[in-house]
Amino acid sequence: MSFQEEVAKLAQEGSIGVVWLIGDDEKIYYTYGEWGVDPLIPFRALKNQTRDVDFGGMRFAVITVAPDRLISTSTTGHGHVMVAKCPKWAGAVVTWTPKEILNTVAFANAARLAGKVR
């Protein structure tokens, strides 16, 4: 299954709401869905390995930041923002997932998408 087909499947299931594919050059190469947060904010937080992130007025707690991932959850019920580094491409997948989805599942989905990017 291709990256786009996997995005469509996860979106249809309700497991993912928004997806961005961002290159290390900070260019957005792919977008699925819409959400009012600039996806470069969490992408840069991963790049800079920082937990100090302002998601543009929405409160998110960064739970994990590591070289290959950023896991964050809204403290006010706005879901999760995940960043998963692509293992075979110079960039990352940034996702927003509804609050009903566990953050562990949300990251697993983001990582699976990142693995499909070539």
N, C-alpha and C. Protein backbone atom coordinates (compact mmCIF):
# COMPACT_ATOMS: atom_id res chain seq x y z
N MET A 1 0.85 -1.18 0.00
CA MET A 1 0.00 0.00 0.00
C MET A 1 0.90 1.24 0.00
N SER A 2 0.58 2.21 -0.83
CA SER A 2 1.38 3.43 -0.93
C SER A 2 1.12 4.37 0.26
N PHE A 3 1.95 5.37 0.38
CA PHE A 3 1.80 6.38 1.42
C PHE A 3 0.40 7.00 1.35
N GLN A 4 -0.02 7.46 0.17
CA GLN A 4 -1.31 8.12 0.03
C GLN A 4 -2.46 7.16 0.32
N GLU A 5 -2.33 5.92 -0.10
CA GLU A 5 -3.38 4.93 0.19
C GLU A 5 -3.48 4.67 1.70
N GLU A 6 -2.35 4.61 2.37
CA GLU A 6 -2.35 4.41 3.83
C GLU A 6 -2.97 5.61 4.54
N VAL A 7 -2.66 6.82 4.08
CA VAL A 7 -3.27 8.03 4.65
C VAL A 7 -4.79 7.95 4.50
N ALA A 8 -5.26 7.63 3.30
CA ALA A 8 -6.70 7.55 3.04
C ALA A 8 -7.36 6.50 3.93
N LYS A 9 -6.71 5.36 4.11
CA LYS A 9 -7.26 4.29 4.95
C LYS A 9 -7.37 4.74 6.40
N LEU A 10 -6.31 5.34 6.93
CA LEU A 10 -6.32 5.80 8.32
C LEU A 10 -7.34 6.92 8.53
N ALA A 11 -7.47 7.79 7.55
CA ALA A 11 -8.46 8.87 7.64
C ALA A 11 -9.87 8.31 7.62
N GLN A 12 -10.13 7.35 6.77
CA GLN A 12 -11.46 6.74 6.69
C GLN A 12 -11.81 6.04 8.00
N GLU A 13 -10.83 5.42 8.64
CA GLU A 13 -11.05 4.76 9.93
C GLU A 13 -11.26 5.77 11.06
N GLY A 14 -10.86 7.02 10.84
CA GLY A 14 -10.92 8.03 11.89
C GLY A 14 -9.69 8.01 12.79
N SER A 15 -8.67 7.25 12.38
CA SER A 15 -7.45 7.13 13.18
C SER A 15 -6.49 8.29 13.00
N ILE A 16 -6.74 9.11 11.99
CA ILE A 16 -5.86 10.24 11.69
C ILE A 16 -6.72 11.33 11.08
N GLY A 17 -6.41 12.57 11.39
CA GLY A 17 -7.22 13.67 10.86
C GLY A 17 -6.49 14.53 9.85
N VAL A 18 -5.21 14.78 10.10
CA VAL A 18 -4.43 15.64 9.23
C VAL A 18 -3.02 15.05 9.11
N VAL A 19 -2.44 15.15 7.91
CA VAL A 19 -1.09 14.65 7.68
C VAL A 19 -0.33 15.68 6.85
N TRP A 20 0.91 15.92 7.25
CA TRP A 20 1.82 16.74 6.46
C TRP A 20 3.09 15.95 6.26
N LEU A 21 3.68 16.04 5.09
CA LEU A 21 4.99 15.46 4.82
C LEU A 21 5.93 16.64 4.60
N ILE A 22 6.91 16.76 5.49
CA ILE A 22 7.80 17.92 5.47
C ILE A 22 9.24 17.46 5.29
N GLY A 23 9.90 18.06 4.32
CA GLY A 23 11.31 17.75 4.07
C GLY A 23 12.21 18.46 5.06
N ASP A 24 13.44 17.96 5.19
CA ASP A 24 14.40 18.62 6.07
C ASP A 24 14.67 20.06 5.63
N ASP A 25 14.31 20.39 4.38
CA ASP A 25 14.43 21.77 3.89
C ASP A 25 13.25 22.64 4.35
N GLU A 26 12.35 22.06 5.17
CA GLU A 26 11.16 22.72 5.74
C GLU A 26 10.11 23.05 4.69
N LYS A 27 10.18 22.39 3.55
CA LYS A 27 9.16 22.52 2.53
C LYS A 27 8.09 21.46 2.78
N ILE A 28 6.83 21.85 2.63
CA ILE A 28 5.72 20.91 2.79
C ILE A 28 5.46 20.26 1.44
N TYR A 29 5.67 18.94 1.39
CA TYR A 29 5.54 18.19 0.15
C TYR A 29 4.18 17.52 -0.01
N TYR A 30 3.46 17.35 1.07
CA TYR A 30 2.16 16.68 1.00
C TYR A 30 1.32 17.14 2.17
N THR A 31 0.03 17.35 1.90
CA THR A 31 -0.92 17.72 2.95
C THR A 31 -2.19 16.95 2.74
N TYR A 32 -2.72 16.42 3.84
CA TYR A 32 -4.04 15.80 3.82
C TYR A 32 -4.82 16.42 4.97
N GLY A 33 -5.99 16.98 4.67
CA GLY A 33 -6.82 17.59 5.70
C GLY A 33 -6.37 19.00 6.04
N GLU A 34 -7.11 19.59 6.97
CA GLU A 34 -6.81 20.96 7.41
C GLU A 34 -6.90 21.06 8.91
N TRP A 35 -5.99 21.85 9.47
CA TRP A 35 -6.02 22.14 10.89
C TRP A 35 -5.28 23.44 11.10
N GLY A 36 -5.65 24.22 12.09
CA GLY A 36 -5.14 25.57 12.27
C GLY A 36 -3.76 25.69 12.90
N VAL A 37 -2.98 24.63 12.94
CA VAL A 37 -1.64 24.70 13.51
C VAL A 37 -0.62 24.63 12.38
N ASP A 38 0.40 25.45 12.47
CA ASP A 38 1.48 25.42 11.50
C ASP A 38 2.29 24.15 11.73
N PRO A 39 2.33 23.22 10.78
CA PRO A 39 3.04 21.96 11.00
C PRO A 39 4.55 22.12 11.15
N LEU A 40 5.08 23.28 10.77
CA LEU A 40 6.51 23.50 10.94
C LEU A 40 6.87 23.70 12.41
N ILE A 41 5.91 24.07 13.25
CA ILE A 41 6.19 24.24 14.68
C ILE A 41 6.62 22.92 15.31
N PRO A 42 5.81 21.85 15.22
CA PRO A 42 6.27 20.59 15.81
C PRO A 42 7.46 20.00 15.05
N PHE A 43 7.53 20.22 13.73
CA PHE A 43 8.67 19.72 12.96
C PHE A 43 9.97 20.34 13.47
N ARG A 44 9.96 21.64 13.70
CA ARG A 44 11.16 22.33 14.20
C ARG A 44 11.49 21.90 15.62
N ALA A 45 10.46 21.60 16.40
CA ALA A 45 10.71 21.12 17.77
C ALA A 45 11.46 19.79 17.73
N LEU A 46 11.10 18.92 16.78
CA LEU A 46 11.83 17.66 16.61
C LEU A 46 13.26 17.96 16.16
N LYS A 47 13.39 18.81 15.17
CA LYS A 47 14.71 19.15 14.62
C LYS A 47 15.64 19.72 15.70
N ASN A 48 15.07 20.59 16.56
CA ASN A 48 15.85 21.25 17.60
C ASN A 48 15.87 20.47 18.91
N GLN A 49 15.14 19.34 18.95
CA GLN A 49 15.07 18.50 20.15
C GLN A 49 14.67 19.31 21.38
N THR A 50 13.55 20.02 21.25
CA THR A 50 13.07 20.85 22.35
C THR A 50 11.67 20.44 22.78
N ARG A 51 11.40 20.58 24.05
CA ARG A 51 10.06 20.33 24.60
C ARG A 51 9.28 21.64 24.73
N ASP A 52 9.97 22.75 24.54
CA ASP A 52 9.34 24.06 24.70
C ASP A 52 8.69 24.46 23.38
N VAL A 53 7.40 24.11 23.23
CA VAL A 53 6.71 24.29 21.96
C VAL A 53 5.42 25.07 22.19
N ASP A 54 5.21 26.11 21.41
CA ASP A 54 3.95 26.86 21.41
C ASP A 54 3.24 26.53 20.12
N PHE A 55 2.15 25.81 20.22
CA PHE A 55 1.40 25.38 19.05
C PHE A 55 0.39 26.45 18.61
N GLY A 56 0.71 27.70 18.79
CA GLY A 56 -0.15 28.77 18.32
C GLY A 56 -1.40 28.95 19.17
N GLY A 57 -1.25 28.94 20.48
CA GLY A 57 -2.38 29.19 21.37
C GLY A 57 -3.05 27.93 21.89
N MET A 58 -2.83 26.80 21.27
CA MET A 58 -3.38 25.54 21.78
C MET A 58 -2.34 24.90 22.68
N ARG A 59 -2.78 24.42 23.82
CA ARG A 59 -1.85 23.84 24.78
C ARG A 59 -1.62 22.36 24.50
N PHE A 60 -0.38 22.03 24.22
CA PHE A 60 0.04 20.65 24.00
C PHE A 60 1.23 20.36 24.90
N ALA A 61 1.21 19.21 25.53
CA ALA A 61 2.34 18.76 26.33
C ALA A 61 3.19 17.83 25.48
N VAL A 62 4.46 18.15 25.35
CA VAL A 62 5.37 17.27 24.62
C VAL A 62 5.78 16.17 25.60
N ILE A 63 5.35 14.96 25.28
CA ILE A 63 5.59 13.81 26.15
C ILE A 63 6.96 13.22 25.87
N THR A 64 7.29 13.09 24.59
CA THR A 64 8.56 12.49 24.19
C THR A 64 9.16 13.29 23.05
N VAL A 65 10.44 13.56 23.16
CA VAL A 65 11.19 14.10 22.04
C VAL A 65 12.49 13.30 21.95
N ALA A 66 12.70 12.70 20.80
CA ALA A 66 13.88 11.88 20.53
C ALA A 66 14.29 12.17 19.09
N PRO A 67 15.46 11.71 18.67
CA PRO A 67 15.90 12.02 17.30
C PRO A 67 14.92 11.60 16.21
N ASP A 68 14.13 10.58 16.45
CA ASP A 68 13.22 10.08 15.41
C ASP A 68 11.75 10.36 15.68
N ARG A 69 11.42 11.04 16.78
CA ARG A 69 10.00 11.24 17.10
C ARG A 69 9.74 12.39 18.06
N LEU A 70 8.55 12.95 17.91
CA LEU A 70 8.01 13.90 18.88
C LEU A 70 6.56 13.47 19.12
N ILE A 71 6.23 13.25 20.37
CA ILE A 71 4.89 12.83 20.75
C ILE A 71 4.31 13.90 21.66
N SER A 72 3.17 14.47 21.27
CA SER A 72 2.55 15.50 22.09
C SER A 72 1.04 15.28 22.17
N THR A 73 0.48 15.68 23.29
CA THR A 73 -0.95 15.52 23.55
C THR A 73 -1.50 16.85 24.04
N SER A 74 -2.66 17.20 23.57
CA SER A 74 -3.30 18.44 24.00
C SER A 74 -3.71 18.35 25.46
N THR A 75 -3.46 19.40 26.20
CA THR A 75 -3.90 19.45 27.59
C THR A 75 -5.33 19.96 27.70
N THR A 76 -5.90 20.36 26.57
CA THR A 76 -7.27 20.89 26.57
C THR A 76 -8.20 20.10 25.65
N GLY A 77 -7.83 18.86 25.34
CA GLY A 77 -8.72 17.98 24.59
C GLY A 77 -8.72 18.16 23.08
N HIS A 78 -7.65 18.69 22.52
CA HIS A 78 -7.58 18.89 21.07
C HIS A 78 -6.81 17.79 20.34
N GLY A 79 -6.66 16.62 20.94
CA GLY A 79 -6.03 15.50 20.26
C GLY A 79 -4.53 15.46 20.44
N HIS A 80 -3.86 14.89 19.45
CA HIS A 80 -2.41 14.65 19.52
C HIS A 80 -1.73 15.14 18.25
N VAL A 81 -0.52 15.66 18.41
CA VAL A 81 0.32 16.00 17.27
C VAL A 81 1.57 15.13 17.39
N MET A 82 1.86 14.41 16.32
CA MET A 82 2.99 13.50 16.28
C MET A 82 3.93 13.90 15.15
N VAL A 83 5.22 13.68 15.36
CA VAL A 83 6.20 13.86 14.30
C VAL A 83 7.03 12.58 14.27
N ALA A 84 7.09 11.95 13.10
CA ALA A 84 7.88 10.73 12.93
C ALA A 84 8.87 10.94 11.79
N LYS A 85 10.13 10.80 12.10
CA LYS A 85 11.20 10.95 11.10
C LYS A 85 11.10 9.82 10.08
N CYS A 86 11.25 10.15 8.82
CA CYS A 86 11.22 9.14 7.75
C CYS A 86 12.57 8.44 7.69
N PRO A 87 12.59 7.12 7.77
CA PRO A 87 13.87 6.42 7.77
C PRO A 87 14.57 6.37 6.41
N LYS A 88 13.82 6.54 5.31
CA LYS A 88 14.41 6.42 3.97
C LYS A 88 14.29 7.69 3.14
N TRP A 89 13.97 8.82 3.79
CA TRP A 89 13.81 10.10 3.10
C TRP A 89 14.20 11.20 4.07
N ALA A 90 14.72 12.28 3.59
CA ALA A 90 15.18 13.38 4.45
C ALA A 90 14.00 14.27 4.83
N GLY A 91 13.25 13.84 5.81
CA GLY A 91 12.10 14.60 6.27
C GLY A 91 11.33 13.83 7.31
N ALA A 92 10.10 14.29 7.57
CA ALA A 92 9.27 13.67 8.59
C ALA A 92 7.80 13.79 8.24
N VAL A 93 7.02 12.94 8.86
CA VAL A 93 5.57 12.99 8.77
C VAL A 93 5.07 13.66 10.05
N VAL A 94 4.21 14.65 9.91
CA VAL A 94 3.57 15.32 11.05
C VAL A 94 2.09 14.99 10.95
N THR A 95 1.51 14.53 12.05
CA THR A 95 0.09 14.18 12.03
C THR A 95 -0.65 14.83 13.18
N TRP A 96 -1.93 15.05 12.95
CA TRP A 96 -2.85 15.40 14.04
C TRP A 96 -3.87 14.27 14.10
N THR A 97 -4.13 13.81 15.31
CA THR A 97 -5.05 12.70 15.54
C THR A 97 -6.08 13.12 16.58
N PRO A 98 -7.34 12.75 16.39
CA PRO A 98 -8.38 13.10 17.38
C PRO A 98 -8.08 12.53 18.76
N LYS A 99 -8.62 13.19 19.77
CA LYS A 99 -8.35 12.81 21.16
C LYS A 99 -8.84 11.40 21.50
N GLU A 100 -9.79 10.87 20.76
CA GLU A 100 -10.32 9.53 21.04
C GLU A 100 -9.30 8.42 20.76
N ILE A 101 -8.29 8.72 19.99
CA ILE A 101 -7.25 7.75 19.64
C ILE A 101 -6.14 7.85 20.69
N LEU A 102 -5.71 6.72 21.23
CA LEU A 102 -4.60 6.72 22.19
C LEU A 102 -3.35 7.28 21.53
N ASN A 103 -2.56 8.02 22.31
CA ASN A 103 -1.36 8.63 21.71
C ASN A 103 -0.35 7.57 21.24
N THR A 104 -0.34 6.40 21.86
CA THR A 104 0.55 5.34 21.40
C THR A 104 0.13 4.84 20.02
N VAL A 105 -1.16 4.73 19.79
CA VAL A 105 -1.69 4.34 18.48
C VAL A 105 -1.43 5.45 17.47
N ALA A 106 -1.62 6.69 17.90
CA ALA A 106 -1.39 7.84 17.02
C ALA A 106 0.05 7.86 16.53
N PHE A 107 1.02 7.61 17.43
CA PHE A 107 2.40 7.60 16.99
C PHE A 107 2.69 6.40 16.10
N ALA A 108 2.15 5.26 16.42
CA ALA A 108 2.36 4.07 15.58
C ALA A 108 1.89 4.33 14.15
N ASN A 109 0.75 5.01 14.02
CA ASN A 109 0.24 5.35 12.69
C ASN A 109 1.18 6.32 11.97
N ALA A 110 1.67 7.33 12.68
CA ALA A 110 2.59 8.30 12.08
C ALA A 110 3.89 7.60 11.64
N ALA A 111 4.39 6.71 12.49
CA ALA A 111 5.63 5.99 12.16
C ALA A 111 5.43 5.07 10.96
N ARG A 112 4.26 4.43 10.89
CA ARG A 112 3.98 3.56 9.75
C ARG A 112 3.96 4.38 8.46
N LEU A 113 3.34 5.57 8.52
CA LEU A 113 3.34 6.44 7.33
C LEU A 113 4.76 6.87 6.97
N ALA A 114 5.54 7.24 7.96
CA ALA A 114 6.92 7.68 7.72
C ALA A 114 7.73 6.58 7.05
N GLY A 115 7.46 5.34 7.41
CA GLY A 115 8.17 4.22 6.82
C GLY A 115 7.83 3.97 5.37
N LYS A 116 6.71 4.51 4.91
CA LYS A 116 6.29 4.32 3.51
C LYS A 116 6.88 5.36 2.57
N VAL A 117 7.47 6.41 3.12
CA VAL A 117 8.01 7.48 2.29
C VAL A 117 9.39 7.07 1.78
N ARG A 118 9.58 7.23 0.49
CA ARG A 118 10.86 6.86 -0.14
C ARG A 118 11.43 8.04 -0.88
